[in-house]
N, C-alpha and C. Protein backbone atom coordinates (compact mmCIF):
# COMPACT_ATOMS: atom_id res chain seq x y z
N UNK A 1 0.83 -1.18 0.00
CA UNK A 1 0.00 0.00 0.00
C UNK A 1 0.87 1.24 0.00
N UNK A 2 0.36 2.18 -0.73
CA UNK A 2 1.10 3.44 -0.87
C UNK A 2 0.60 4.44 0.15
N UNK A 3 1.48 5.30 0.58
CA UNK A 3 1.02 6.34 1.50
C UNK A 3 0.12 7.32 0.76
N UNK A 4 -0.78 7.95 1.50
CA UNK A 4 -1.76 8.87 0.94
C UNK A 4 -1.12 10.12 0.39
N UNK A 5 0.05 10.52 0.87
CA UNK A 5 0.67 11.76 0.42
C UNK A 5 1.22 11.64 -1.00
N UNK A 6 1.47 10.45 -1.50
CA UNK A 6 2.01 10.30 -2.84
C UNK A 6 0.93 9.93 -3.84
N UNK A 7 -0.29 10.19 -3.49
CA UNK A 7 -1.40 9.90 -4.36
C UNK A 7 -1.28 10.73 -5.64
N UNK A 8 -1.63 10.19 -6.80
CA UNK A 8 -1.52 10.94 -8.04
C UNK A 8 -2.48 12.13 -8.10
N UNK A 9 -3.48 12.17 -7.26
CA UNK A 9 -4.43 13.27 -7.31
C UNK A 9 -4.00 14.46 -6.47
N UNK A 10 -3.13 14.27 -5.52
CA UNK A 10 -2.71 15.39 -4.68
C UNK A 10 -1.27 15.76 -5.04
N UNK A 11 -1.01 17.06 -5.19
CA UNK A 11 0.34 17.46 -5.56
C UNK A 11 1.29 17.24 -4.39
N UNK A 12 2.47 16.83 -4.74
CA UNK A 12 3.48 16.65 -3.71
C UNK A 12 4.40 17.86 -3.71
N UNK A 13 4.82 18.29 -2.54
CA UNK A 13 5.75 19.41 -2.51
C UNK A 13 7.08 18.97 -3.10
N UNK A 14 7.70 19.87 -3.84
CA UNK A 14 8.97 19.55 -4.45
C UNK A 14 9.61 20.77 -5.06
N UNK A 15 10.66 20.58 -5.80
CA UNK A 15 11.32 21.73 -6.41
C UNK A 15 10.43 22.39 -7.46
N UNK A 16 10.57 23.72 -7.67
CA UNK A 16 9.72 24.40 -8.66
C UNK A 16 10.00 23.86 -10.06
N UNK A 17 8.97 23.86 -10.89
CA UNK A 17 9.08 23.34 -12.24
C UNK A 17 9.61 24.45 -13.15
N UNK A 18 10.63 24.15 -13.96
CA UNK A 18 11.19 25.11 -14.92
C UNK A 18 10.52 24.90 -16.27
N UNK A 19 10.19 25.98 -16.92
CA UNK A 19 9.58 25.85 -18.25
C UNK A 19 10.70 25.62 -19.26
N UNK A 20 10.53 24.63 -20.06
CA UNK A 20 11.53 24.31 -21.08
C UNK A 20 11.19 25.05 -22.37
N UNK A 21 12.21 25.26 -23.21
CA UNK A 21 11.98 25.86 -24.52
C UNK A 21 11.11 24.93 -25.35
N UNK A 22 10.33 25.52 -26.21
CA UNK A 22 9.49 24.65 -27.04
C UNK A 22 10.37 23.78 -27.93
N UNK A 23 10.02 22.54 -28.04
CA UNK A 23 10.80 21.65 -28.89
C UNK A 23 10.22 21.59 -30.30
N UNK A 24 9.05 22.12 -30.48
CA UNK A 24 8.41 22.13 -31.79
C UNK A 24 8.93 23.29 -32.63
N UNK A 25 8.19 23.66 -33.64
CA UNK A 25 8.62 24.75 -34.52
C UNK A 25 8.68 26.08 -33.77
N UNK A 26 9.72 26.86 -34.09
CA UNK A 26 9.89 28.17 -33.49
C UNK A 26 9.07 29.21 -34.26
N UNK A 27 8.87 28.96 -35.54
CA UNK A 27 8.12 29.88 -36.40
C UNK A 27 6.75 29.30 -36.73
N UNK A 28 5.78 30.19 -36.81
CA UNK A 28 4.48 29.83 -37.33
C UNK A 28 4.51 29.97 -38.84
N UNK A 29 3.36 29.93 -39.48
CA UNK A 29 3.33 30.04 -40.94
C UNK A 29 3.79 31.42 -41.43
N UNK A 30 4.42 31.41 -42.58
CA UNK A 30 4.89 32.64 -43.23
C UNK A 30 3.84 33.07 -44.25
N UNK A 31 3.41 34.32 -44.18
CA UNK A 31 2.46 34.87 -45.14
C UNK A 31 3.18 35.92 -45.98
N UNK A 32 2.96 35.89 -47.28
CA UNK A 32 3.63 36.83 -48.18
C UNK A 32 2.61 37.46 -49.12
N UNK A 33 2.72 38.77 -49.29
CA UNK A 33 1.87 39.52 -50.21
C UNK A 33 2.78 40.31 -51.13
N UNK A 34 2.61 40.14 -52.45
CA UNK A 34 3.47 40.81 -53.43
C UNK A 34 2.81 42.09 -53.91
N UNK A 35 3.66 43.11 -54.15
CA UNK A 35 3.23 44.38 -54.71
C UNK A 35 4.04 44.63 -55.98
N UNK A 36 4.00 45.85 -56.52
CA UNK A 36 4.66 46.14 -57.80
C UNK A 36 6.16 45.86 -57.79
N UNK A 37 6.86 46.26 -56.74
CA UNK A 37 8.30 46.02 -56.68
C UNK A 37 8.74 45.63 -55.28
N UNK A 38 7.82 45.09 -54.50
CA UNK A 38 8.14 44.71 -53.13
C UNK A 38 7.24 43.56 -52.69
N UNK A 39 7.57 43.03 -51.51
CA UNK A 39 6.75 41.95 -50.93
C UNK A 39 6.69 42.18 -49.43
N UNK A 40 5.50 42.03 -48.87
CA UNK A 40 5.30 42.16 -47.43
C UNK A 40 5.21 40.76 -46.84
N UNK A 41 6.11 40.47 -45.90
CA UNK A 41 6.13 39.18 -45.23
C UNK A 41 5.65 39.35 -43.80
N UNK A 42 4.89 38.40 -43.30
CA UNK A 42 4.49 38.40 -41.89
C UNK A 42 4.56 36.97 -41.38
N UNK A 43 4.87 36.82 -40.09
CA UNK A 43 5.07 35.50 -39.51
C UNK A 43 4.81 35.55 -38.01
N UNK A 44 4.76 34.38 -37.42
CA UNK A 44 4.67 34.22 -35.97
C UNK A 44 6.00 33.63 -35.51
N UNK A 45 6.50 34.13 -34.39
CA UNK A 45 7.77 33.64 -33.85
C UNK A 45 7.56 33.35 -32.37
N UNK A 46 7.90 32.14 -31.96
CA UNK A 46 7.63 31.70 -30.59
C UNK A 46 8.88 31.59 -29.74
N UNK A 47 10.04 31.90 -30.29
CA UNK A 47 11.28 31.76 -29.54
C UNK A 47 11.66 33.04 -28.83
N UNK A 48 12.82 33.02 -28.16
CA UNK A 48 13.29 34.23 -27.48
C UNK A 48 13.70 35.28 -28.50
N UNK A 49 13.68 36.56 -28.12
CA UNK A 49 14.08 37.60 -29.08
C UNK A 49 15.53 37.39 -29.52
N UNK A 50 15.72 37.15 -30.74
CA UNK A 50 17.04 36.91 -31.32
C UNK A 50 17.16 37.70 -32.61
N UNK A 51 18.31 37.56 -33.22
CA UNK A 51 18.50 38.15 -34.54
C UNK A 51 17.72 37.32 -35.55
N UNK A 52 16.84 38.00 -36.23
CA UNK A 52 16.01 37.34 -37.23
C UNK A 52 16.39 37.94 -38.58
N UNK A 53 16.44 37.08 -39.58
CA UNK A 53 16.79 37.50 -40.93
C UNK A 53 15.71 37.07 -41.90
N UNK A 54 15.46 37.92 -42.90
CA UNK A 54 14.62 37.54 -44.02
C UNK A 54 15.57 37.22 -45.16
N UNK A 55 15.42 36.06 -45.74
CA UNK A 55 16.28 35.65 -46.85
C UNK A 55 15.40 35.42 -48.08
N UNK A 56 15.94 35.84 -49.23
CA UNK A 56 15.18 35.64 -50.47
C UNK A 56 16.14 35.48 -51.63
N UNK A 57 15.68 34.78 -52.66
CA UNK A 57 16.45 34.56 -53.88
C UNK A 57 15.48 34.36 -55.03
N UNK A 58 15.96 34.69 -56.23
CA UNK A 58 15.14 34.49 -57.42
C UNK A 58 14.94 32.99 -57.62
N UNK A 59 13.70 32.61 -57.89
CA UNK A 59 13.39 31.20 -58.08
C UNK A 59 14.15 30.65 -59.29
N UNK A 60 14.63 29.42 -59.19
CA UNK A 60 15.35 28.71 -60.25
C UNK A 60 16.65 29.41 -60.64
N UNK A 61 17.26 30.14 -59.73
CA UNK A 61 18.56 30.75 -60.05
C UNK A 61 19.61 30.16 -59.12
N UNK A 62 20.84 30.33 -59.50
CA UNK A 62 21.94 29.82 -58.70
C UNK A 62 22.53 30.91 -57.82
N UNK A 63 21.85 32.03 -57.74
CA UNK A 63 22.31 33.14 -56.89
C UNK A 63 22.26 32.74 -55.43
N UNK A 64 23.10 33.37 -54.64
CA UNK A 64 23.07 33.19 -53.20
C UNK A 64 21.81 33.87 -52.65
N UNK A 65 21.36 33.43 -51.51
CA UNK A 65 20.23 34.06 -50.85
C UNK A 65 20.64 35.44 -50.39
N UNK A 66 19.79 36.43 -50.61
CA UNK A 66 20.01 37.77 -50.08
C UNK A 66 19.43 37.81 -48.68
N UNK A 67 20.19 38.38 -47.74
CA UNK A 67 19.76 38.38 -46.34
C UNK A 67 19.58 39.81 -45.86
N UNK A 68 18.44 40.05 -45.22
CA UNK A 68 18.17 41.35 -44.60
C UNK A 68 17.87 41.12 -43.12
N UNK A 69 18.55 41.87 -42.25
CA UNK A 69 18.33 41.75 -40.81
C UNK A 69 17.01 42.41 -40.42
N UNK A 70 16.32 41.77 -39.47
CA UNK A 70 15.03 42.26 -38.98
C UNK A 70 15.11 42.36 -37.47
N UNK A 71 14.44 43.34 -36.91
CA UNK A 71 14.37 43.48 -35.46
C UNK A 71 13.80 42.19 -34.86
N UNK A 72 14.40 41.70 -33.78
CA UNK A 72 13.98 40.44 -33.18
C UNK A 72 12.55 40.40 -32.70
N UNK A 73 11.98 41.56 -32.39
CA UNK A 73 10.59 41.59 -31.92
C UNK A 73 9.61 41.84 -33.07
N UNK A 74 10.12 42.10 -34.25
CA UNK A 74 9.24 42.38 -35.40
C UNK A 74 8.59 41.09 -35.87
N UNK A 75 7.39 41.23 -36.39
CA UNK A 75 6.66 40.08 -36.92
C UNK A 75 6.30 40.28 -38.39
N UNK A 76 6.89 41.33 -39.01
CA UNK A 76 6.67 41.56 -40.44
C UNK A 76 7.85 42.34 -40.99
N UNK A 77 8.00 42.26 -42.30
CA UNK A 77 9.10 42.96 -42.98
C UNK A 77 8.72 43.13 -44.44
N UNK A 78 9.14 44.26 -45.03
CA UNK A 78 8.90 44.51 -46.45
C UNK A 78 10.22 44.41 -47.20
N UNK A 79 10.25 43.55 -48.19
CA UNK A 79 11.41 43.44 -49.07
C UNK A 79 11.17 44.39 -50.23
N UNK A 80 12.09 45.32 -50.43
CA UNK A 80 11.93 46.32 -51.50
C UNK A 80 12.92 46.05 -52.63
N UNK A 81 12.63 46.63 -53.78
CA UNK A 81 13.54 46.54 -54.92
C UNK A 81 13.46 45.22 -55.68
N UNK A 82 12.33 44.55 -55.63
CA UNK A 82 12.17 43.30 -56.37
C UNK A 82 11.85 43.60 -57.83
N UNK A 83 12.25 42.70 -58.71
CA UNK A 83 12.04 42.89 -60.14
C UNK A 83 10.61 42.50 -60.51
N UNK A 84 9.87 43.39 -61.17
CA UNK A 84 8.51 43.04 -61.59
C UNK A 84 8.54 41.85 -62.56
N UNK A 85 7.60 40.95 -62.37
CA UNK A 85 7.50 39.78 -63.23
C UNK A 85 8.34 38.61 -62.77
N UNK A 86 9.16 38.77 -61.73
CA UNK A 86 10.02 37.69 -61.25
C UNK A 86 9.36 36.97 -60.08
N UNK A 87 9.76 35.73 -59.86
CA UNK A 87 9.29 34.96 -58.71
C UNK A 87 10.46 34.76 -57.76
N UNK A 88 10.18 34.88 -56.47
CA UNK A 88 11.21 34.76 -55.45
C UNK A 88 10.81 33.70 -54.44
N UNK A 89 11.80 32.98 -53.94
CA UNK A 89 11.57 32.11 -52.80
C UNK A 89 12.06 32.87 -51.57
N UNK A 90 11.23 32.90 -50.54
CA UNK A 90 11.54 33.69 -49.35
C UNK A 90 11.39 32.79 -48.11
N UNK A 91 12.12 33.17 -47.06
CA UNK A 91 12.02 32.47 -45.78
C UNK A 91 12.50 33.40 -44.68
N UNK A 92 12.10 33.10 -43.46
CA UNK A 92 12.55 33.85 -42.29
C UNK A 92 13.40 32.89 -41.46
N UNK A 93 14.57 33.37 -41.02
CA UNK A 93 15.54 32.51 -40.37
C UNK A 93 16.01 33.18 -39.08
N UNK A 94 16.26 32.36 -38.05
CA UNK A 94 16.94 32.84 -36.86
C UNK A 94 18.08 31.87 -36.55
N UNK A 95 19.18 32.42 -36.08
CA UNK A 95 20.34 31.60 -35.72
C UNK A 95 20.59 31.79 -34.23
N UNK A 96 20.53 30.68 -33.50
CA UNK A 96 20.70 30.72 -32.05
C UNK A 96 22.03 30.05 -31.71
N UNK A 97 22.98 30.82 -31.14
CA UNK A 97 24.27 30.19 -30.79
C UNK A 97 24.08 29.17 -29.67
N UNK A 98 24.70 28.03 -29.80
CA UNK A 98 24.66 26.96 -28.80
C UNK A 98 26.07 26.76 -28.24
N UNK A 99 26.17 26.54 -26.96
CA UNK A 99 27.48 26.39 -26.32
C UNK A 99 28.20 25.14 -26.79
N UNK A 100 27.45 24.08 -27.04
CA UNK A 100 28.10 22.82 -27.36
C UNK A 100 28.09 22.47 -28.85
N UNK A 101 27.12 22.96 -29.60
CA UNK A 101 26.99 22.50 -30.98
C UNK A 101 27.12 23.61 -32.02
N UNK A 102 27.62 24.76 -31.69
CA UNK A 102 27.79 25.83 -32.67
C UNK A 102 26.55 26.69 -32.79
N UNK A 103 25.84 26.58 -33.89
CA UNK A 103 24.67 27.42 -34.14
C UNK A 103 23.47 26.55 -34.48
N UNK A 104 22.36 26.85 -33.82
CA UNK A 104 21.10 26.17 -34.12
C UNK A 104 20.30 27.09 -35.03
N UNK A 105 19.89 26.58 -36.17
CA UNK A 105 19.18 27.40 -37.16
C UNK A 105 17.72 26.98 -37.18
N UNK A 106 16.84 27.96 -37.06
CA UNK A 106 15.40 27.74 -37.21
C UNK A 106 14.95 28.58 -38.40
N UNK A 107 14.04 28.05 -39.19
CA UNK A 107 13.52 28.85 -40.31
C UNK A 107 12.09 28.44 -40.61
N UNK A 108 11.42 29.34 -41.32
CA UNK A 108 10.08 29.04 -41.81
C UNK A 108 10.22 28.18 -43.05
N UNK A 109 9.14 27.62 -43.48
CA UNK A 109 9.14 26.94 -44.78
C UNK A 109 9.32 28.01 -45.85
N UNK A 110 9.92 27.62 -46.97
CA UNK A 110 10.09 28.57 -48.07
C UNK A 110 8.72 28.87 -48.68
N UNK A 111 8.52 30.13 -48.98
CA UNK A 111 7.28 30.58 -49.59
C UNK A 111 7.64 31.16 -50.96
N UNK A 112 6.82 30.91 -51.95
CA UNK A 112 7.06 31.45 -53.28
C UNK A 112 6.26 32.73 -53.45
N UNK A 113 6.94 33.82 -53.85
CA UNK A 113 6.31 35.12 -54.05
C UNK A 113 6.51 35.52 -55.50
N UNK A 114 5.43 35.74 -56.22
CA UNK A 114 5.50 36.19 -57.62
C UNK A 114 5.14 37.67 -57.67
N UNK A 115 6.12 38.48 -58.06
CA UNK A 115 5.90 39.92 -58.18
C UNK A 115 5.20 40.17 -59.51
N UNK A 116 4.08 40.87 -59.49
CA UNK A 116 3.33 41.06 -60.75
C UNK A 116 4.11 41.92 -61.74
N UNK A 117 3.97 41.57 -63.00
CA UNK A 117 4.58 42.37 -64.05
C UNK A 117 3.75 43.64 -64.21
N UNK A 118 4.42 44.76 -64.29
CA UNK A 118 3.72 46.04 -64.38
C UNK A 118 3.85 46.55 -65.81
N UNK A 119 2.71 46.83 -66.43
CA UNK A 119 2.72 47.40 -67.77
C UNK A 119 3.19 48.84 -67.69
N UNK A 120 3.85 49.29 -68.75
CA UNK A 120 4.33 50.66 -68.79
C UNK A 120 3.14 51.60 -68.87
N UNK A 121 2.94 52.35 -67.79
CA UNK A 121 1.77 53.23 -67.73
C UNK A 121 2.04 54.59 -68.36
N UNK A 122 3.28 54.87 -68.68
CA UNK A 122 3.60 56.17 -69.26
C UNK A 122 3.65 56.04 -70.78
N UNK A 123 2.49 56.02 -71.39
CA UNK A 123 2.39 55.90 -72.84
C UNK A 123 2.45 57.30 -73.43
N UNK A 124 3.36 57.48 -74.39
CA UNK A 124 3.52 58.78 -75.04
C UNK A 124 2.38 58.95 -76.03
N UNK A 125 1.55 59.95 -75.79
CA UNK A 125 0.36 60.14 -76.63
C UNK A 125 0.75 60.55 -78.05
N UNK A 126 1.92 61.19 -78.21
CA UNK A 126 2.33 61.64 -79.53
C UNK A 126 2.63 60.49 -80.47
N UNK A 127 2.82 59.30 -79.97
CA UNK A 127 3.10 58.14 -80.82
C UNK A 127 1.86 57.29 -81.06
N UNK A 128 0.73 57.69 -80.52
CA UNK A 128 -0.50 56.93 -80.72
C UNK A 128 -1.09 57.27 -82.09
N UNK A 129 -1.51 56.25 -82.82
CA UNK A 129 -2.03 56.43 -84.17
C UNK A 129 -3.25 57.34 -84.23
N UNK A 130 -4.17 57.18 -83.31
CA UNK A 130 -5.38 57.99 -83.34
C UNK A 130 -5.06 59.46 -83.11
N UNK A 131 -4.06 59.74 -82.27
CA UNK A 131 -3.69 61.14 -82.00
C UNK A 131 -3.04 61.77 -83.22
N UNK A 132 -2.18 61.04 -83.90
CA UNK A 132 -1.53 61.55 -85.11
C UNK A 132 -2.57 61.81 -86.18
N UNK A 133 -3.53 60.90 -86.37
CA UNK A 133 -4.59 61.10 -87.35
C UNK A 133 -5.45 62.31 -87.04
N UNK A 134 -5.78 62.51 -85.77
CA UNK A 134 -6.58 63.66 -85.36
C UNK A 134 -5.84 64.97 -85.65
N UNK A 135 -4.56 65.02 -85.34
CA UNK A 135 -3.78 66.23 -85.59
C UNK A 135 -3.68 66.52 -87.09
N UNK A 136 -3.51 65.50 -87.90
CA UNK A 136 -3.45 65.69 -89.36
C UNK A 136 -4.80 66.21 -89.89
N UNK A 137 -5.90 65.69 -89.39
CA UNK A 137 -7.22 66.15 -89.81
C UNK A 137 -7.44 67.61 -89.43
N UNK A 138 -7.03 67.98 -88.25
CA UNK A 138 -7.18 69.38 -87.82
C UNK A 138 -6.31 70.30 -88.68
N UNK A 139 -5.08 69.90 -88.98
CA UNK A 139 -4.20 70.71 -89.82
C UNK A 139 -4.78 70.86 -91.22
N UNK A 140 -5.34 69.80 -91.78
CA UNK A 140 -5.95 69.87 -93.11
C UNK A 140 -7.16 70.79 -93.11
N UNK A 141 -7.97 70.73 -92.08
CA UNK A 141 -9.14 71.60 -91.97
C UNK A 141 -8.73 73.07 -91.88
N UNK A 142 -7.69 73.36 -91.11
CA UNK A 142 -7.20 74.75 -91.01
C UNK A 142 -6.66 75.22 -92.35
N UNK A 143 -5.93 74.36 -93.07
CA UNK A 143 -5.39 74.72 -94.38
C UNK A 143 -6.51 75.03 -95.37
N UNK A 144 -7.55 74.21 -95.41
CA UNK A 144 -8.69 74.46 -96.30
C UNK A 144 -9.37 75.77 -95.93
N UNK A 145 -9.53 76.04 -94.66
CA UNK A 145 -10.15 77.28 -94.21
C UNK A 145 -9.33 78.50 -94.64
N UNK A 146 -8.01 78.43 -94.51
CA UNK A 146 -7.16 79.54 -94.95
C UNK A 146 -7.25 79.77 -96.46
N UNK A 147 -7.27 78.70 -97.22
CA UNK A 147 -7.38 78.84 -98.69
C UNK A 147 -8.69 79.51 -99.06
N UNK A 148 -9.78 79.10 -98.43
CA UNK A 148 -11.08 79.71 -98.71
C UNK A 148 -11.06 81.20 -98.36
N UNK A 149 -10.46 81.56 -97.24
CA UNK A 149 -10.38 82.97 -96.85
C UNK A 149 -9.57 83.78 -97.84
N UNK A 150 -8.44 83.27 -98.31
CA UNK A 150 -7.63 84.00 -99.27
C UNK A 150 -8.34 84.15 -100.61
N UNK A 151 -9.05 83.15 -101.04
CA UNK A 151 -9.79 83.25 -102.30
C UNK A 151 -10.87 84.32 -102.18
N UNK A 152 -11.59 84.35 -101.08
CA UNK A 152 -12.64 85.37 -100.90
C UNK A 152 -12.03 86.76 -100.88
N UNK A 153 -10.89 86.92 -100.24
CA UNK A 153 -10.28 88.24 -100.10
C UNK A 153 -9.73 88.74 -101.43
N UNK A 154 -9.12 87.87 -102.20
CA UNK A 154 -8.47 88.28 -103.44
C UNK A 154 -9.39 88.18 -104.65
N UNK A 155 -10.62 87.89 -104.44
CA UNK A 155 -11.56 87.76 -105.55
C UNK A 155 -11.62 89.07 -106.32
N UNK A 156 -11.49 90.19 -105.63
CA UNK A 156 -11.48 91.50 -106.27
C UNK A 156 -12.76 91.74 -107.02
N UNK A 157 -12.72 92.75 -107.86
CA UNK A 157 -13.81 92.88 -108.77
C UNK A 157 -14.81 93.93 -108.40
N UNK A 158 -15.96 93.63 -108.80
CA UNK A 158 -17.01 94.61 -108.85
C UNK A 158 -17.78 94.59 -107.54
N UNK A 159 -17.69 95.71 -106.91
CA UNK A 159 -18.51 95.88 -105.73
C UNK A 159 -19.68 96.75 -106.16
N UNK A 160 -20.88 96.45 -105.91
CA UNK A 160 -22.05 97.17 -106.41
C UNK A 160 -22.32 98.49 -105.67
N UNK A 161 -21.29 99.17 -105.22
CA UNK A 161 -21.50 100.40 -104.47
C UNK A 161 -22.00 101.51 -105.40
N UNK A 162 -21.37 101.67 -106.58
CA UNK A 162 -21.75 102.75 -107.50
C UNK A 162 -23.18 102.55 -107.98
N UNK A 163 -23.53 101.31 -108.28
CA UNK A 163 -24.88 101.04 -108.74
C UNK A 163 -25.90 101.32 -107.64
N UNK A 164 -25.57 101.03 -106.41
CA UNK A 164 -26.48 101.29 -105.30
C UNK A 164 -26.64 102.78 -105.08
N UNK A 165 -25.54 103.54 -105.27
CA UNK A 165 -25.64 104.99 -105.06
C UNK A 165 -26.55 105.63 -106.13
N UNK A 166 -26.44 105.16 -107.35
CA UNK A 166 -27.27 105.73 -108.41
C UNK A 166 -28.74 105.34 -108.22
N UNK A 167 -29.00 104.16 -107.74
CA UNK A 167 -30.37 103.72 -107.56
C UNK A 167 -31.05 104.48 -106.43
N UNK A 168 -30.34 104.82 -105.40
CA UNK A 168 -30.91 105.51 -104.25
C UNK A 168 -30.31 106.91 -104.17
N UNK A 169 -30.58 107.69 -105.13
CA UNK A 169 -29.99 109.02 -105.21
C UNK A 169 -30.66 109.94 -104.22
N UNK A 170 -29.86 110.68 -103.48
CA UNK A 170 -30.35 111.64 -102.50
C UNK A 170 -30.63 112.95 -103.24
N UNK A 171 -31.84 113.55 -103.11
CA UNK A 171 -32.18 114.76 -103.87
C UNK A 171 -31.35 115.96 -103.42
N UNK A 172 -30.85 116.01 -102.25
CA UNK A 172 -30.06 117.16 -101.80
C UNK A 172 -28.68 117.17 -102.42
N UNK A 173 -28.20 115.98 -102.74
CA UNK A 173 -26.86 115.92 -103.32
C UNK A 173 -27.02 116.09 -104.82
N UNK A 174 -26.54 117.21 -105.34
CA UNK A 174 -26.61 117.47 -106.76
C UNK A 174 -25.19 117.45 -107.32
N UNK A 175 -25.05 116.80 -108.42
CA UNK A 175 -23.71 116.83 -109.01
C UNK A 175 -23.42 118.22 -109.54
N UNK A 176 -22.18 118.58 -109.50
CA UNK A 176 -21.77 119.90 -109.97
C UNK A 176 -21.82 119.92 -111.49
N UNK A 177 -22.40 120.98 -112.02
CA UNK A 177 -22.51 121.10 -113.46
C UNK A 177 -21.55 122.18 -113.92
N UNK A 178 -20.81 121.82 -114.87
CA UNK A 178 -19.92 122.82 -115.45
C UNK A 178 -20.47 123.18 -116.83
N UNK A 179 -20.92 124.42 -116.95
CA UNK A 179 -21.58 124.82 -118.19
C UNK A 179 -20.61 124.95 -119.34
N UNK A 180 -19.62 125.70 -119.10
CA UNK A 180 -18.76 125.99 -120.22
C UNK A 180 -17.36 125.44 -120.06
N UNK A 181 -17.17 124.70 -119.07
CA UNK A 181 -15.86 124.11 -118.88
C UNK A 181 -14.88 125.08 -118.26
N UNK A 182 -15.37 126.26 -117.83
CA UNK A 182 -14.48 127.24 -117.19
C UNK A 182 -14.86 127.30 -115.71
N UNK A 183 -13.98 127.89 -114.98
CA UNK A 183 -14.25 128.03 -113.57
C UNK A 183 -15.34 129.06 -113.36
N UNK A 184 -16.07 128.90 -112.33
CA UNK A 184 -17.14 129.82 -112.03
C UNK A 184 -16.60 131.16 -111.55
N UNK A 185 -17.45 132.17 -111.52
CA UNK A 185 -17.05 133.51 -111.10
C UNK A 185 -16.91 133.55 -109.60
N UNK A 186 -16.05 134.40 -109.22
CA UNK A 186 -15.84 134.57 -107.81
C UNK A 186 -16.38 135.82 -107.34
């Protein structure tokens, strides 16, 4: 028979229990959102505040991973200067120095980030076909208008002013009559 004090239902006095480091994953899932030339990464980290790095490389390339340091308490980071239209593999890594085994490395699973290709939004309107056609049509219309104006102006000729004056003769205005072709008396 066992003594009542060591019963599994009653706690026994003893040394305080120390919390051990988690033996499971140190990082939670990595979330990535791509923008025109950058990517926003967010993650969960369950370990002690350490040096955390974001590493990324172009997918299917033999380039070395590019590493950017992140504040140990940060849970997100923006990678800037990414090439539009390219795909990158990204991960978050922490390196914990160990007294006996060198460095313990923890990382998230690699996530694939595809940066969208951006169409050139600065289209020069002067090279657009419809704009060139419109300008040519306007120039042709102005040229025709100028030609018509010059033809009307230089038509010259007979203005019916004299005929109108004779038809509507004012009785007070009498033409001067010269009887004998000599000057009148003074």
